Protein backbone atom coordinates (compact mmCIF):
# COMPACT_ATOMS: atom_id res chain seq x y z
CA MET A 1 13.44 -49.14 -2.74
CA THR A 2 12.87 -45.40 -2.36
CA VAL A 3 11.14 -43.97 0.63
CA GLY A 4 8.23 -41.70 -0.22
CA PRO A 5 6.85 -38.85 1.80
CA ARG A 6 5.57 -39.98 5.16
CA ARG A 7 2.14 -39.22 6.42
CA THR A 8 1.93 -36.69 9.25
CA ALA A 9 -0.23 -37.22 12.29
CA HIS A 10 -3.45 -35.25 12.10
CA ARG A 11 -3.35 -32.01 14.04
CA PRO A 12 -6.24 -29.54 14.28
CA GLY A 13 -5.94 -26.92 11.57
CA ARG A 14 -3.81 -29.15 9.32
CA ASP A 15 -4.88 -30.85 6.12
CA ARG A 16 -5.45 -34.57 6.75
CA LEU A 17 -3.77 -35.32 3.42
CA ALA A 18 -0.66 -33.25 4.21
CA ARG A 19 2.62 -35.06 3.66
CA LEU A 20 5.94 -34.29 5.32
CA LEU A 21 8.73 -34.13 2.75
CA PRO A 22 12.21 -34.56 4.23
CA ALA A 23 14.70 -31.80 3.51
CA PRO A 24 17.64 -32.68 1.28
CA GLY A 25 21.03 -33.12 2.98
CA GLY A 26 23.40 -30.19 3.30
CA THR A 27 23.59 -27.19 5.57
CA ARG A 28 20.92 -26.70 8.18
CA ARG A 29 20.27 -23.13 7.01
CA ALA A 30 20.03 -21.66 3.53
CA ASP A 31 22.30 -18.79 4.61
CA PRO A 32 25.38 -20.28 6.33
CA SER A 33 26.14 -16.95 8.07
CA GLY A 34 23.00 -17.46 10.13
CA ALA A 35 21.71 -13.94 9.49
CA PRO A 36 18.03 -14.06 8.51
CA HIS A 37 17.17 -12.51 5.16
CA ALA A 38 13.70 -11.87 3.74
CA ALA A 39 12.38 -10.71 0.39
CA VAL A 40 9.28 -8.50 0.45
CA VAL A 41 7.39 -8.19 -2.83
CA GLY A 42 5.51 -4.93 -3.26
CA GLY A 43 6.33 -1.47 -1.98
CA GLY A 44 2.79 -0.47 -1.07
CA ILE A 45 1.70 0.19 2.48
CA ALA A 46 1.53 -3.53 3.38
CA GLY A 47 4.96 -4.27 1.89
CA LEU A 48 6.53 -1.24 3.57
CA THR A 49 4.98 -2.26 6.89
CA ALA A 50 6.30 -5.81 6.57
CA ALA A 51 9.77 -4.62 5.54
CA THR A 52 9.92 -2.13 8.42
CA ALA A 53 8.78 -4.70 11.00
CA LEU A 54 11.33 -7.26 9.77
CA ALA A 55 14.18 -4.74 9.66
CA GLU A 56 13.39 -3.57 13.20
CA ARG A 57 13.80 -7.19 14.31
CA GLY A 58 17.24 -7.56 12.75
CA VAL A 59 16.24 -9.27 9.49
CA ARG A 60 18.06 -8.21 6.33
CA VAL A 61 15.30 -7.17 3.91
CA THR A 62 15.28 -6.86 0.13
CA LEU A 63 12.21 -4.98 -1.11
CA TYR A 64 11.01 -5.58 -4.68
CA GLU A 65 8.71 -3.02 -6.35
CA ARG A 66 7.80 -2.85 -10.04
CA GLU A 67 7.05 0.90 -10.05
CA PRO A 68 9.79 3.55 -9.93
CA GLN A 69 8.38 4.90 -6.62
CA LEU A 70 7.26 3.33 -3.36
CA GLY A 71 3.87 3.81 -1.76
CA GLY A 72 1.47 1.86 -3.95
CA ARG A 73 -1.86 3.67 -3.99
CA LEU A 74 -0.46 6.37 -1.71
CA ALA A 75 2.27 7.40 -4.14
CA GLY A 76 2.35 10.41 -6.44
CA TRP A 77 4.22 10.53 -9.74
CA PRO A 78 4.89 13.13 -12.42
CA THR A 79 3.27 12.74 -15.84
CA ARG A 80 3.28 14.86 -18.99
CA LEU A 81 -0.01 16.12 -20.43
CA ALA A 82 -0.78 16.43 -24.16
CA ASP A 83 -0.01 20.17 -24.05
CA GLY A 84 3.51 19.40 -22.75
CA SER A 85 2.95 20.54 -19.17
CA THR A 86 3.89 18.30 -16.26
CA VAL A 87 1.48 17.51 -13.46
CA THR A 88 1.65 15.22 -10.46
CA MET A 89 -0.76 12.32 -10.52
CA SER A 90 -1.80 10.90 -7.19
CA ARG A 91 -4.19 8.57 -5.47
CA GLY A 92 -3.23 10.20 -2.19
CA PHE A 93 -6.83 10.62 -1.12
CA HIS A 94 -6.45 7.16 0.41
CA ALA A 95 -4.23 8.70 3.07
CA PHE A 96 -6.62 11.54 3.91
CA PHE A 97 -9.40 9.25 5.03
CA ARG A 98 -9.03 6.80 7.90
CA GLN A 99 -8.75 3.53 5.93
CA TYR A 100 -5.03 3.45 6.66
CA TYR A 101 -5.28 4.33 10.34
CA ASN A 102 -1.76 3.03 11.06
CA LEU A 103 -0.12 5.03 8.25
CA ARG A 104 1.18 7.88 10.41
CA ALA A 105 2.47 5.43 13.03
CA LEU A 106 4.37 3.58 10.29
CA LEU A 107 5.79 6.82 8.90
CA ARG A 108 6.86 7.92 12.39
CA ARG A 109 8.89 4.71 12.78
CA THR A 110 11.13 5.76 9.88
CA ASP A 111 10.71 9.56 10.17
CA PRO A 112 9.85 10.51 13.79
CA ALA A 113 9.21 14.19 12.97
CA LEU A 114 7.12 13.33 9.88
CA SER A 115 9.27 15.86 8.05
CA ARG A 116 8.87 14.01 4.74
CA LEU A 117 5.13 14.66 4.70
CA THR A 118 4.18 17.64 2.59
CA GLY A 119 0.84 19.28 2.10
CA PHE A 120 -0.87 22.10 0.29
CA ALA A 121 0.58 25.53 1.00
CA LYS A 122 -2.83 27.17 1.04
CA LEU A 123 -6.32 26.11 0.06
CA ILE A 124 -8.20 28.63 -2.06
CA PRO A 125 -11.92 28.82 -1.26
CA CYS A 126 -13.90 27.95 -4.37
CA ALA A 127 -17.42 28.91 -3.32
CA THR A 128 -19.06 31.54 -1.21
CA ARG A 129 -21.84 30.76 1.19
CA ALA A 130 -24.44 32.12 -1.26
CA VAL A 131 -23.24 29.80 -4.03
CA ALA A 132 -23.07 26.85 -1.67
CA ARG A 133 -26.77 27.25 -0.80
CA GLN A 134 -27.70 26.85 -4.47
CA LEU A 135 -25.93 23.50 -4.80
CA ARG A 136 -28.18 20.46 -4.92
CA ALA A 137 -28.05 17.88 -2.16
CA ARG A 138 -27.39 15.16 -4.74
CA PRO A 139 -25.94 15.33 -8.23
CA ALA A 140 -28.13 15.10 -11.32
CA HIS A 141 -28.50 11.55 -12.59
CA THR A 142 -29.69 12.34 -16.10
CA ALA A 143 -28.83 14.94 -18.73
CA ALA A 144 -32.36 16.39 -18.52
CA GLU A 145 -32.02 16.79 -14.76
CA ALA A 146 -28.64 18.49 -15.19
CA ARG A 147 -30.08 20.94 -17.77
CA SER A 148 -33.02 21.87 -15.55
CA ALA A 149 -30.72 22.35 -12.54
CA SER A 150 -28.35 24.63 -14.49
CA SER A 151 -31.21 26.82 -15.75
CA ARG A 152 -32.38 27.67 -12.22
């Protein structure tokens, strides 16, 4: 007669139908050396945060990322345009706003001086005050509205 999974006593927050499956015989740990090892899937900001936190606590971490660069939506990558020129594509605007309010703290943990951050050398003003006054408060929603706004 084989022994099936035994029923666990109900505890708050646990599924009443949960079953405890006994572990097969063998070593008590998967890694006989006793050193903890974790795999983190995804090199975006959440994956990098998890990998950093684990590594700081002495866990050996393997990070898996499908893209050739880390950063997820914060990354930039080179791409070639139809005319043959190369430009850098980026969704970096995510970092400029405060959605990722812990981003700089995370970066400081691996780069205390934040020396790996780069920015624009100089911003070129694109409009004078006179031109800015002529801009509409909201964009045109129809082609007719756009035509009438451009003729003013």
